[in-house]
mmCIF file of all heavy atoms, coordinates in Angstrom:
data_MODEL
# 
_entry.id   MODEL 
# 
loop_
_atom_site.group_PDB 
_atom_site.id 
_atom_site.type_symbol 
_atom_site.label_atom_id 
_atom_site.label_alt_id 
_atom_site.label_comp_id 
_atom_site.label_asym_id 
_atom_site.label_entity_id 
_atom_site.label_seq_id 
_atom_site.pdbx_PDB_ins_code 
_atom_site.Cartn_x 
_atom_site.Cartn_y 
_atom_site.Cartn_z 
_atom_site.occupancy 
_atom_site.B_iso_or_equiv 
_atom_site.pdbx_formal_charge 
_atom_site.auth_seq_id 
_atom_site.auth_comp_id 
_atom_site.auth_asym_id 
_atom_site.auth_atom_id 
_atom_site.pdbx_PDB_model_num 
ATOM 1   N N   . VAL A 1 1  ? -0.984  -5.709  13.222  1.00 0.00 ? 1  VAL A N   1 
ATOM 2   C CA  . VAL A 1 1  ? 0.307   -5.660  12.577  1.00 0.00 ? 1  VAL A CA  1 
ATOM 3   C C   . VAL A 1 1  ? 0.179   -4.827  11.306  1.00 0.00 ? 1  VAL A C   1 
ATOM 4   O O   . VAL A 1 1  ? -0.704  -5.067  10.492  1.00 0.00 ? 1  VAL A O   1 
ATOM 5   C CB  . VAL A 1 1  ? 0.833   -7.080  12.248  1.00 0.00 ? 1  VAL A CB  1 
ATOM 6   C CG1 . VAL A 1 1  ? 2.098   -7.012  11.438  1.00 0.00 ? 1  VAL A CG1 1 
ATOM 7   C CG2 . VAL A 1 1  ? 1.026   -7.880  13.510  1.00 0.00 ? 1  VAL A CG2 1 
ATOM 8   N N   . CYS A 1 2  ? 1.054   -3.886  11.143  1.00 0.00 ? 2  CYS A N   1 
ATOM 9   C CA  . CYS A 1 2  ? 1.070   -3.002  9.984   1.00 0.00 ? 2  CYS A CA  1 
ATOM 10  C C   . CYS A 1 2  ? 2.006   -3.580  8.931   1.00 0.00 ? 2  CYS A C   1 
ATOM 11  O O   . CYS A 1 2  ? 3.160   -3.870  9.204   1.00 0.00 ? 2  CYS A O   1 
ATOM 12  C CB  . CYS A 1 2  ? 1.559   -1.639  10.451  1.00 0.00 ? 2  CYS A CB  1 
ATOM 13  S SG  . CYS A 1 2  ? 1.606   -0.412  9.188   1.00 0.00 ? 2  CYS A SG  1 
ATOM 14  N N   . LEU A 1 3  ? 1.485   -3.795  7.716   1.00 0.00 ? 3  LEU A N   1 
ATOM 15  C CA  . LEU A 1 3  ? 2.284   -4.341  6.623   1.00 0.00 ? 3  LEU A CA  1 
ATOM 16  C C   . LEU A 1 3  ? 2.421   -3.315  5.505   1.00 0.00 ? 3  LEU A C   1 
ATOM 17  O O   . LEU A 1 3  ? 1.439   -2.668  5.131   1.00 0.00 ? 3  LEU A O   1 
ATOM 18  C CB  . LEU A 1 3  ? 1.638   -5.601  6.056   1.00 0.00 ? 3  LEU A CB  1 
ATOM 19  C CG  . LEU A 1 3  ? 1.469   -6.773  7.013   1.00 0.00 ? 3  LEU A CG  1 
ATOM 20  C CD1 . LEU A 1 3  ? 0.653   -7.867  6.358   1.00 0.00 ? 3  LEU A CD1 1 
ATOM 21  C CD2 . LEU A 1 3  ? 2.811   -7.295  7.451   1.00 0.00 ? 3  LEU A CD2 1 
ATOM 22  N N   . VAL A 1 4  ? 3.633   -3.167  4.986   1.00 0.00 ? 4  VAL A N   1 
ATOM 23  C CA  . VAL A 1 4  ? 3.854   -2.282  3.846   1.00 0.00 ? 4  VAL A CA  1 
ATOM 24  C C   . VAL A 1 4  ? 3.440   -3.031  2.578   1.00 0.00 ? 4  VAL A C   1 
ATOM 25  O O   . VAL A 1 4  ? 3.959   -4.109  2.290   1.00 0.00 ? 4  VAL A O   1 
ATOM 26  C CB  . VAL A 1 4  ? 5.334   -1.845  3.755   1.00 0.00 ? 4  VAL A CB  1 
ATOM 27  C CG1 . VAL A 1 4  ? 5.560   -0.984  2.513   1.00 0.00 ? 4  VAL A CG1 1 
ATOM 28  C CG2 . VAL A 1 4  ? 5.757   -1.103  5.013   1.00 0.00 ? 4  VAL A CG2 1 
ATOM 29  N N   . ILE A 1 5  ? 2.520   -2.455  1.840   1.00 0.00 ? 5  ILE A N   1 
ATOM 30  C CA  . ILE A 1 5  ? 2.040   -3.072  0.610   1.00 0.00 ? 5  ILE A CA  1 
ATOM 31  C C   . ILE A 1 5  ? 2.795   -2.519  -0.596  1.00 0.00 ? 5  ILE A C   1 
ATOM 32  O O   . ILE A 1 5  ? 3.143   -3.254  -1.511  1.00 0.00 ? 5  ILE A O   1 
ATOM 33  C CB  . ILE A 1 5  ? 0.521   -2.855  0.442   1.00 0.00 ? 5  ILE A CB  1 
ATOM 34  C CG1 . ILE A 1 5  ? -0.227  -3.538  1.579   1.00 0.00 ? 5  ILE A CG1 1 
ATOM 35  C CG2 . ILE A 1 5  ? 0.043   -3.377  -0.897  1.00 0.00 ? 5  ILE A CG2 1 
ATOM 36  C CD1 . ILE A 1 5  ? -1.708  -3.278  1.578   1.00 0.00 ? 5  ILE A CD1 1 
ATOM 37  N N   . ALA A 1 6  ? 3.015   -1.216  -0.605  1.00 0.00 ? 6  ALA A N   1 
ATOM 38  C CA  . ALA A 1 6  ? 3.725   -0.551  -1.708  1.00 0.00 ? 6  ALA A CA  1 
ATOM 39  C C   . ALA A 1 6  ? 4.533   0.600   -1.109  1.00 0.00 ? 6  ALA A C   1 
ATOM 40  O O   . ALA A 1 6  ? 4.090   1.240   -0.160  1.00 0.00 ? 6  ALA A O   1 
ATOM 41  C CB  . ALA A 1 6  ? 2.747   -0.031  -2.742  1.00 0.00 ? 6  ALA A CB  1 
ATOM 42  N N   . SER A 1 7  ? 5.703   0.864   -1.670  1.00 0.00 ? 7  SER A N   1 
ATOM 43  C CA  . SER A 1 7  ? 6.599   1.882   -1.118  1.00 0.00 ? 7  SER A CA  1 
ATOM 44  C C   . SER A 1 7  ? 6.816   3.040   -2.075  1.00 0.00 ? 7  SER A C   1 
ATOM 45  O O   . SER A 1 7  ? 7.067   2.835   -3.269  1.00 0.00 ? 7  SER A O   1 
ATOM 46  C CB  . SER A 1 7  ? 7.962   1.269   -0.791  1.00 0.00 ? 7  SER A CB  1 
ATOM 47  O OG  . SER A 1 7  ? 7.838   0.314   0.231   1.00 0.00 ? 7  SER A OG  1 
ATOM 48  N N   . GLU A 1 8  ? 6.756   4.239   -1.510  1.00 0.00 ? 8  GLU A N   1 
ATOM 49  C CA  . GLU A 1 8  ? 7.042   5.457   -2.263  1.00 0.00 ? 8  GLU A CA  1 
ATOM 50  C C   . GLU A 1 8  ? 8.440   5.365   -2.869  1.00 0.00 ? 8  GLU A C   1 
ATOM 51  O O   . GLU A 1 8  ? 9.384   4.937   -2.224  1.00 0.00 ? 8  GLU A O   1 
ATOM 52  C CB  . GLU A 1 8  ? 6.959   6.654   -1.314  1.00 0.00 ? 8  GLU A CB  1 
ATOM 53  C CG  . GLU A 1 8  ? 7.205   8.000   -1.942  1.00 0.00 ? 8  GLU A CG  1 
ATOM 54  C CD  . GLU A 1 8  ? 7.016   9.154   -0.970  1.00 0.00 ? 8  GLU A CD  1 
ATOM 55  O OE1 . GLU A 1 8  ? 6.521   8.944   0.162   1.00 0.00 ? 8  GLU A OE1 1 
ATOM 56  O OE2 . GLU A 1 8  ? 7.366   10.275  -1.350  1.00 0.00 ? 8  GLU A OE2 1 
ATOM 57  N N   . GLY A 1 9  ? 8.557   5.750   -4.121  1.00 0.00 ? 9  GLY A N   1 
ATOM 58  C CA  . GLY A 1 9  ? 9.847   5.722   -4.797  1.00 0.00 ? 9  GLY A CA  1 
ATOM 59  C C   . GLY A 1 9  ? 10.138  4.424   -5.533  1.00 0.00 ? 9  GLY A C   1 
ATOM 60  O O   . GLY A 1 9  ? 11.154  4.309   -6.212  1.00 0.00 ? 9  GLY A O   1 
ATOM 61  N N   . PHE A 1 10 ? 9.248   3.435   -5.408  1.00 0.00 ? 10 PHE A N   1 
ATOM 62  C CA  . PHE A 1 10 ? 9.414   2.140   -6.082  1.00 0.00 ? 10 PHE A CA  1 
ATOM 63  C C   . PHE A 1 10 ? 8.149   1.831   -6.880  1.00 0.00 ? 10 PHE A C   1 
ATOM 64  O O   . PHE A 1 10 ? 7.071   2.298   -6.540  1.00 0.00 ? 10 PHE A O   1 
ATOM 65  C CB  . PHE A 1 10 ? 9.661   1.019   -5.066  1.00 0.00 ? 10 PHE A CB  1 
ATOM 66  C CG  . PHE A 1 10 ? 10.936  1.178   -4.298  1.00 0.00 ? 10 PHE A CG  1 
ATOM 67  C CD1 . PHE A 1 10 ? 10.940  1.858   -3.086  1.00 0.00 ? 10 PHE A CD1 1 
ATOM 68  C CD2 . PHE A 1 10 ? 12.123  0.661   -4.789  1.00 0.00 ? 10 PHE A CD2 1 
ATOM 69  C CE1 . PHE A 1 10 ? 12.116  2.020   -2.371  1.00 0.00 ? 10 PHE A CE1 1 
ATOM 70  C CE2 . PHE A 1 10 ? 13.308  0.825   -4.084  1.00 0.00 ? 10 PHE A CE2 1 
ATOM 71  C CZ  . PHE A 1 10 ? 13.302  1.510   -2.878  1.00 0.00 ? 10 PHE A CZ  1 
ATOM 72  N N   . ARG A 1 11 ? 8.287   0.987   -7.889  1.00 0.00 ? 11 ARG A N   1 
ATOM 73  C CA  . ARG A 1 11 ? 7.105   0.559   -8.634  1.00 0.00 ? 11 ARG A CA  1 
ATOM 74  C C   . ARG A 1 11 ? 6.225   -0.299  -7.742  1.00 0.00 ? 11 ARG A C   1 
ATOM 75  O O   . ARG A 1 11 ? 6.720   -1.110  -6.964  1.00 0.00 ? 11 ARG A O   1 
ATOM 76  C CB  . ARG A 1 11 ? 7.502   -0.252  -9.859  1.00 0.00 ? 11 ARG A CB  1 
ATOM 77  C CG  . ARG A 1 11 ? 8.036   0.587   -10.976 1.00 0.00 ? 11 ARG A CG  1 
ATOM 78  C CD  . ARG A 1 11 ? 8.191   -0.251  -12.213 1.00 0.00 ? 11 ARG A CD  1 
ATOM 79  N NE  . ARG A 1 11 ? 9.021   0.468   -13.163 1.00 0.00 ? 11 ARG A NE  1 
ATOM 80  C CZ  . ARG A 1 11 ? 9.675   -0.105  -14.135 1.00 0.00 ? 11 ARG A CZ  1 
ATOM 81  N NH1 . ARG A 1 11 ? 9.610   -1.408  -14.311 1.00 0.00 ? 11 ARG A NH1 1 
ATOM 82  N NH2 . ARG A 1 11 ? 10.387  0.609   -14.967 1.00 0.00 ? 11 ARG A NH2 1 
ATOM 83  N N   . CYS A 1 12 ? 4.934   -0.120  -7.899  1.00 0.00 ? 12 CYS A N   1 
ATOM 84  C CA  . CYS A 1 12 ? 3.988   -0.945  -7.153  1.00 0.00 ? 12 CYS A CA  1 
ATOM 85  C C   . CYS A 1 12 ? 4.079   -2.375  -7.697  1.00 0.00 ? 12 CYS A C   1 
ATOM 86  O O   . CYS A 1 12 ? 4.148   -2.572  -8.911  1.00 0.00 ? 12 CYS A O   1 
ATOM 87  C CB  . CYS A 1 12 ? 2.578   -0.396  -7.322  1.00 0.00 ? 12 CYS A CB  1 
ATOM 88  S SG  . CYS A 1 12 ? 1.401   -1.071  -6.138  1.00 0.00 ? 12 CYS A SG  1 
ATOM 89  N N   . PRO A 1 13 ? 4.080   -3.381  -6.827  1.00 0.00 ? 13 PRO A N   1 
ATOM 90  C CA  . PRO A 1 13 ? 4.217   -4.762  -7.294  1.00 0.00 ? 13 PRO A CA  1 
ATOM 91  C C   . PRO A 1 13 ? 2.969   -5.308  -7.980  1.00 0.00 ? 13 PRO A C   1 
ATOM 92  O O   . PRO A 1 13 ? 3.016   -6.356  -8.620  1.00 0.00 ? 13 PRO A O   1 
ATOM 93  C CB  . PRO A 1 13 ? 4.514   -5.542  -6.016  1.00 0.00 ? 13 PRO A CB  1 
ATOM 94  C CG  . PRO A 1 13 ? 3.951   -4.713  -4.916  1.00 0.00 ? 13 PRO A CG  1 
ATOM 95  C CD  . PRO A 1 13 ? 4.050   -3.283  -5.371  1.00 0.00 ? 13 PRO A CD  1 
ATOM 96  N N   . PHE A 1 14 ? 1.849   -4.586  -7.886  1.00 0.00 ? 14 PHE A N   1 
ATOM 97  C CA  . PHE A 1 14 ? 0.580   -5.024  -8.485  1.00 0.00 ? 14 PHE A CA  1 
ATOM 98  C C   . PHE A 1 14 ? -0.416  -3.885  -8.393  1.00 0.00 ? 14 PHE A C   1 
ATOM 99  O O   . PHE A 1 14 ? -0.197  -2.910  -7.677  1.00 0.00 ? 14 PHE A O   1 
ATOM 100 C CB  . PHE A 1 14 ? 0.027   -6.260  -7.774  1.00 0.00 ? 14 PHE A CB  1 
ATOM 101 C CG  . PHE A 1 14 ? 0.010   -6.133  -6.280  1.00 0.00 ? 14 PHE A CG  1 
ATOM 102 C CD1 . PHE A 1 14 ? -0.940  -5.367  -5.626  1.00 0.00 ? 14 PHE A CD1 1 
ATOM 103 C CD2 . PHE A 1 14 ? 0.969   -6.782  -5.508  1.00 0.00 ? 14 PHE A CD2 1 
ATOM 104 C CE1 . PHE A 1 14 ? -0.947  -5.242  -4.243  1.00 0.00 ? 14 PHE A CE1 1 
ATOM 105 C CE2 . PHE A 1 14 ? 0.969   -6.663  -4.123  1.00 0.00 ? 14 PHE A CE2 1 
ATOM 106 C CZ  . PHE A 1 14 ? 0.011   -5.893  -3.491  1.00 0.00 ? 14 PHE A CZ  1 
ATOM 107 N N   . ILE A 1 15 ? -1.513  -4.025  -9.108  1.00 0.00 ? 15 ILE A N   1 
ATOM 108 C CA  . ILE A 1 15 ? -2.651  -3.135  -8.901  1.00 0.00 ? 15 ILE A CA  1 
ATOM 109 C C   . ILE A 1 15 ? -3.492  -3.789  -7.814  1.00 0.00 ? 15 ILE A C   1 
ATOM 110 O O   . ILE A 1 15 ? -3.817  -4.974  -7.907  1.00 0.00 ? 15 ILE A O   1 
ATOM 111 C CB  . ILE A 1 15 ? -3.469  -2.948  -10.197 1.00 0.00 ? 15 ILE A CB  1 
ATOM 112 C CG1 . ILE A 1 15 ? -2.622  -2.236  -11.249 1.00 0.00 ? 15 ILE A CG1 1 
ATOM 113 C CG2 . ILE A 1 15 ? -4.749  -2.170  -9.912  1.00 0.00 ? 15 ILE A CG2 1 
ATOM 114 C CD1 . ILE A 1 15 ? -3.300  -2.107  -12.603 1.00 0.00 ? 15 ILE A CD1 1 
ATOM 115 N N   . GLY A 1 16 ? -3.811  -3.043  -6.788  1.00 0.00 ? 16 GLY A N   1 
ATOM 116 C CA  . GLY A 1 16 ? -4.557  -3.598  -5.658  1.00 0.00 ? 16 GLY A CA  1 
ATOM 117 C C   . GLY A 1 16 ? -5.959  -3.026  -5.557  1.00 0.00 ? 16 GLY A C   1 
ATOM 118 O O   . GLY A 1 16 ? -6.156  -1.818  -5.728  1.00 0.00 ? 16 GLY A O   1 
ATOM 119 N N   . TYR A 1 17 ? -6.904  -3.912  -5.320  1.00 0.00 ? 17 TYR A N   1 
ATOM 120 C CA  . TYR A 1 17 ? -8.294  -3.531  -5.097  1.00 0.00 ? 17 TYR A CA  1 
ATOM 121 C C   . TYR A 1 17 ? -8.648  -3.955  -3.679  1.00 0.00 ? 17 TYR A C   1 
ATOM 122 O O   . TYR A 1 17 ? -8.658  -5.153  -3.372  1.00 0.00 ? 17 TYR A O   1 
ATOM 123 C CB  . TYR A 1 17 ? -9.224  -4.200  -6.111  1.00 0.00 ? 17 TYR A CB  1 
ATOM 124 C CG  . TYR A 1 17 ? -8.957  -3.738  -7.525  1.00 0.00 ? 17 TYR A CG  1 
ATOM 125 C CD1 . TYR A 1 17 ? -8.042  -4.408  -8.337  1.00 0.00 ? 17 TYR A CD1 1 
ATOM 126 C CD2 . TYR A 1 17 ? -9.586  -2.612  -8.022  1.00 0.00 ? 17 TYR A CD2 1 
ATOM 127 C CE1 . TYR A 1 17 ? -7.781  -3.968  -9.625  1.00 0.00 ? 17 TYR A CE1 1 
ATOM 128 C CE2 . TYR A 1 17 ? -9.334  -2.166  -9.323  1.00 0.00 ? 17 TYR A CE2 1 
ATOM 129 C CZ  . TYR A 1 17 ? -8.425  -2.853  -10.106 1.00 0.00 ? 17 TYR A CZ  1 
ATOM 130 O OH  . TYR A 1 17 ? -8.161  -2.413  -11.379 1.00 0.00 ? 17 TYR A OH  1 
ATOM 131 N N   . LEU A 1 18 ? -8.921  -2.993  -2.827  1.00 0.00 ? 18 LEU A N   1 
ATOM 132 C CA  . LEU A 1 18 ? -9.209  -3.270  -1.426  1.00 0.00 ? 18 LEU A CA  1 
ATOM 133 C C   . LEU A 1 18 ? -10.647 -3.783  -1.293  1.00 0.00 ? 18 LEU A C   1 
ATOM 134 O O   . LEU A 1 18 ? -11.592 -3.081  -1.631  1.00 0.00 ? 18 LEU A O   1 
ATOM 135 C CB  . LEU A 1 18 ? -9.010  -1.996  -0.617  1.00 0.00 ? 18 LEU A CB  1 
ATOM 136 C CG  . LEU A 1 18 ? -8.783  -2.087  0.860   1.00 0.00 ? 18 LEU A CG  1 
ATOM 137 C CD1 . LEU A 1 18 ? -7.636  -3.040  1.194   1.00 0.00 ? 18 LEU A CD1 1 
ATOM 138 C CD2 . LEU A 1 18 ? -8.481  -0.723  1.434   1.00 0.00 ? 18 LEU A CD2 1 
ATOM 139 N N   . LYS A 1 19 ? -10.768 -5.041  -0.844  1.00 0.00 ? 19 LYS A N   1 
ATOM 140 C CA  . LYS A 1 19 ? -12.101 -5.636  -0.665  1.00 0.00 ? 19 LYS A CA  1 
ATOM 141 C C   . LYS A 1 19 ? -12.587 -5.427  0.765   1.00 0.00 ? 19 LYS A C   1 
ATOM 142 O O   . LYS A 1 19 ? -13.747 -5.098  0.993   1.00 0.00 ? 19 LYS A O   1 
ATOM 143 C CB  . LYS A 1 19 ? -12.059 -7.136  -0.990  1.00 0.00 ? 19 LYS A CB  1 
ATOM 144 C CG  . LYS A 1 19 ? -13.414 -7.792  -0.849  1.00 0.00 ? 19 LYS A CG  1 
ATOM 145 C CD  . LYS A 1 19 ? -13.409 -9.228  -1.257  1.00 0.00 ? 19 LYS A CD  1 
ATOM 146 C CE  . LYS A 1 19 ? -14.803 -9.798  -1.045  1.00 0.00 ? 19 LYS A CE  1 
ATOM 147 N NZ  . LYS A 1 19 ? -14.950 -11.124 -1.545  1.00 0.00 ? 19 LYS A NZ  1 
ATOM 148 N N   . ILE A 1 20 ? -11.686 -5.641  1.713   1.00 0.00 ? 20 ILE A N   1 
ATOM 149 C CA  . ILE A 1 20 ? -12.009 -5.477  3.135   1.00 0.00 ? 20 ILE A CA  1 
ATOM 150 C C   . ILE A 1 20 ? -10.823 -4.792  3.792   1.00 0.00 ? 20 ILE A C   1 
ATOM 151 O O   . ILE A 1 20 ? -9.673  -5.116  3.506   1.00 0.00 ? 20 ILE A O   1 
ATOM 152 C CB  . ILE A 1 20 ? -12.255 -6.847  3.816   1.00 0.00 ? 20 ILE A CB  1 
ATOM 153 C CG1 . ILE A 1 20 ? -13.497 -7.511  3.237   1.00 0.00 ? 20 ILE A CG1 1 
ATOM 154 C CG2 . ILE A 1 20 ? -12.374 -6.698  5.329   1.00 0.00 ? 20 ILE A CG2 1 
ATOM 155 C CD1 . ILE A 1 20 ? -13.726 -8.932  3.739   1.00 0.00 ? 20 ILE A CD1 1 
ATOM 156 N N   . GLY A 1 21 ? -11.114 -3.851  4.699   1.00 0.00 ? 21 GLY A N   1 
ATOM 157 C CA  . GLY A 1 21 ? -10.058 -3.253  5.491   1.00 0.00 ? 21 GLY A CA  1 
ATOM 158 C C   . GLY A 1 21 ? -9.762  -1.813  5.134   1.00 0.00 ? 21 GLY A C   1 
ATOM 159 O O   . GLY A 1 21 ? -10.473 -1.169  4.358   1.00 0.00 ? 21 GLY A O   1 
ATOM 160 N N   . GLU A 1 22 ? -8.665  -1.335  5.737   1.00 0.00 ? 22 GLU A N   1 
ATOM 161 C CA  . GLU A 1 22 ? -8.269  0.059   5.590   1.00 0.00 ? 22 GLU A CA  1 
ATOM 162 C C   . GLU A 1 22 ? -6.755  0.148   5.538   1.00 0.00 ? 22 GLU A C   1 
ATOM 163 O O   . GLU A 1 22 ? -6.061  -0.580  6.249   1.00 0.00 ? 22 GLU A O   1 
ATOM 164 C CB  . GLU A 1 22 ? -8.805  0.849   6.790   1.00 0.00 ? 22 GLU A CB  1 
ATOM 165 C CG  . GLU A 1 22 ? -8.459  2.301   6.797   1.00 0.00 ? 22 GLU A CG  1 
ATOM 166 C CD  . GLU A 1 22 ? -9.082  3.020   7.984   1.00 0.00 ? 22 GLU A CD  1 
ATOM 167 O OE1 . GLU A 1 22 ? -10.330 3.148   8.021   1.00 0.00 ? 22 GLU A OE1 1 
ATOM 168 O OE2 . GLU A 1 22 ? -8.318  3.422   8.878   1.00 0.00 ? 22 GLU A OE2 1 
ATOM 169 N N   . CYS A 1 23 ? -6.259  1.025   4.695   1.00 0.00 ? 23 CYS A N   1 
ATOM 170 C CA  . CYS A 1 23 ? -4.820  1.257   4.584   1.00 0.00 ? 23 CYS A CA  1 
ATOM 171 C C   . CYS A 1 23 ? -4.525  2.736   4.775   1.00 0.00 ? 23 CYS A C   1 
ATOM 172 O O   . CYS A 1 23 ? -5.327  3.592   4.406   1.00 0.00 ? 23 CYS A O   1 
ATOM 173 C CB  . CYS A 1 23 ? -4.305  0.836   3.203   1.00 0.00 ? 23 CYS A CB  1 
ATOM 174 S SG  . CYS A 1 23 ? -4.446  -0.925  2.877   1.00 0.00 ? 23 CYS A SG  1 
ATOM 175 N N   . HIS A 1 24 ? -3.377  3.033   5.352   1.00 0.00 ? 24 HIS A N   1 
ATOM 176 C CA  . HIS A 1 24 ? -2.915  4.408   5.461   1.00 0.00 ? 24 HIS A CA  1 
ATOM 177 C C   . HIS A 1 24 ? -2.058  4.744   4.252   1.00 0.00 ? 24 HIS A C   1 
ATOM 178 O O   . HIS A 1 24 ? -1.316  3.896   3.747   1.00 0.00 ? 24 HIS A O   1 
ATOM 179 C CB  . HIS A 1 24 ? -2.098  4.615   6.737   1.00 0.00 ? 24 HIS A CB  1 
ATOM 180 C CG  . HIS A 1 24 ? -2.940  4.673   7.963   1.00 0.00 ? 24 HIS A CG  1 
ATOM 181 N ND1 . HIS A 1 24 ? -2.425  4.513   9.217   1.00 0.00 ? 24 HIS A ND1 1 
ATOM 182 C CD2 . HIS A 1 24 ? -4.262  4.889   8.141   1.00 0.00 ? 24 HIS A CD2 1 
ATOM 183 C CE1 . HIS A 1 24 ? -3.385  4.624   10.117  1.00 0.00 ? 24 HIS A CE1 1 
ATOM 184 N NE2 . HIS A 1 24 ? -4.511  4.848   9.480   1.00 0.00 ? 24 HIS A NE2 1 
ATOM 185 N N   . VAL A 1 25 ? -2.157  5.986   3.836   1.00 0.00 ? 25 VAL A N   1 
ATOM 186 C CA  . VAL A 1 25 ? -1.348  6.499   2.739   1.00 0.00 ? 25 VAL A CA  1 
ATOM 187 C C   . VAL A 1 25 ? -0.299  7.422   3.357   1.00 0.00 ? 25 VAL A C   1 
ATOM 188 O O   . VAL A 1 25 ? -0.642  8.401   4.019   1.00 0.00 ? 25 VAL A O   1 
ATOM 189 C CB  . VAL A 1 25 ? -2.211  7.277   1.721   1.00 0.00 ? 25 VAL A CB  1 
ATOM 190 C CG1 . VAL A 1 25 ? -1.346  7.844   0.608   1.00 0.00 ? 25 VAL A CG1 1 
ATOM 191 C CG2 . VAL A 1 25 ? -3.307  6.378   1.168   1.00 0.00 ? 25 VAL A CG2 1 
ATOM 192 N N   . LEU A 1 26 ? 0.975   7.066   3.169   1.00 0.00 ? 26 LEU A N   1 
ATOM 193 C CA  . LEU A 1 26 ? 2.073   7.824   3.744   1.00 0.00 ? 26 LEU A CA  1 
ATOM 194 C C   . LEU A 1 26 ? 2.837   8.557   2.655   1.00 0.00 ? 26 LEU A C   1 
ATOM 195 O O   . LEU A 1 26 ? 2.988   8.044   1.542   1.00 0.00 ? 26 LEU A O   1 
ATOM 196 C CB  . LEU A 1 26 ? 3.045   6.896   4.484   1.00 0.00 ? 26 LEU A CB  1 
ATOM 197 C CG  . LEU A 1 26 ? 2.449   5.918   5.493   1.00 0.00 ? 26 LEU A CG  1 
ATOM 198 C CD1 . LEU A 1 26 ? 3.525   5.003   6.042   1.00 0.00 ? 26 LEU A CD1 1 
ATOM 199 C CD2 . LEU A 1 26 ? 1.777   6.664   6.626   1.00 0.00 ? 26 LEU A CD2 1 
ATOM 200 N N   . ARG A 1 27 ? 3.340   9.731   2.994   1.00 0.00 ? 27 ARG A N   1 
ATOM 201 C CA  . ARG A 1 27 ? 4.222   10.472  2.089   1.00 0.00 ? 27 ARG A CA  1 
ATOM 202 C C   . ARG A 1 27 ? 5.467   10.861  2.866   1.00 0.00 ? 27 ARG A C   1 
ATOM 203 O O   . ARG A 1 27 ? 5.413   11.120  4.069   1.00 0.00 ? 27 ARG A O   1 
ATOM 204 C CB  . ARG A 1 27 ? 3.541   11.749  1.573   1.00 0.00 ? 27 ARG A CB  1 
ATOM 205 C CG  . ARG A 1 27 ? 2.348   11.519  0.655   1.00 0.00 ? 27 ARG A CG  1 
ATOM 206 C CD  . ARG A 1 27 ? 2.709   11.053  -0.732  1.00 0.00 ? 27 ARG A CD  1 
ATOM 207 N NE  . ARG A 1 27 ? 3.649   11.903  -1.413  1.00 0.00 ? 27 ARG A NE  1 
ATOM 208 C CZ  . ARG A 1 27 ? 3.318   12.895  -2.230  1.00 0.00 ? 27 ARG A CZ  1 
ATOM 209 N NH1 . ARG A 1 27 ? 2.058   13.161  -2.480  1.00 0.00 ? 27 ARG A NH1 1 
ATOM 210 N NH2 . ARG A 1 27 ? 4.258   13.612  -2.807  1.00 0.00 ? 27 ARG A NH2 1 
ATOM 211 N N   . LYS A 1 28 ? 6.599   10.895  2.172   1.00 0.00 ? 28 LYS A N   1 
ATOM 212 C CA  . LYS A 1 28 ? 7.865   11.260  2.809   1.00 0.00 ? 28 LYS A CA  1 
ATOM 213 C C   . LYS A 1 28 ? 8.025   12.777  2.823   1.00 0.00 ? 28 LYS A C   1 
ATOM 214 O O   . LYS A 1 28 ? 7.598   13.465  1.904   1.00 0.00 ? 28 LYS A O   1 
ATOM 215 C CB  . LYS A 1 28 ? 9.046   10.654  2.049   1.00 0.00 ? 28 LYS A CB  1 
ATOM 216 C CG  . LYS A 1 28 ? 9.150   9.160   2.194   1.00 0.00 ? 28 LYS A CG  1 
ATOM 217 C CD  . LYS A 1 28 ? 10.329  8.629   1.419   1.00 0.00 ? 28 LYS A CD  1 
ATOM 218 C CE  . LYS A 1 28 ? 10.357  7.114   1.486   1.00 0.00 ? 28 LYS A CE  1 
ATOM 219 N NZ  . LYS A 1 28 ? 11.375  6.547   0.600   1.00 0.00 ? 28 LYS A NZ  1 
# 
C-alpha cells in the first residue's frame, strides 16, 4: 500500500527520518 507522507505545494507535517524502508519522490 502506497501512503502519501508529504505533498508538493503544502508544508511538510514533520521532519521525517527514514529508519526502515523506501519512499518515492514525486514531482508535478
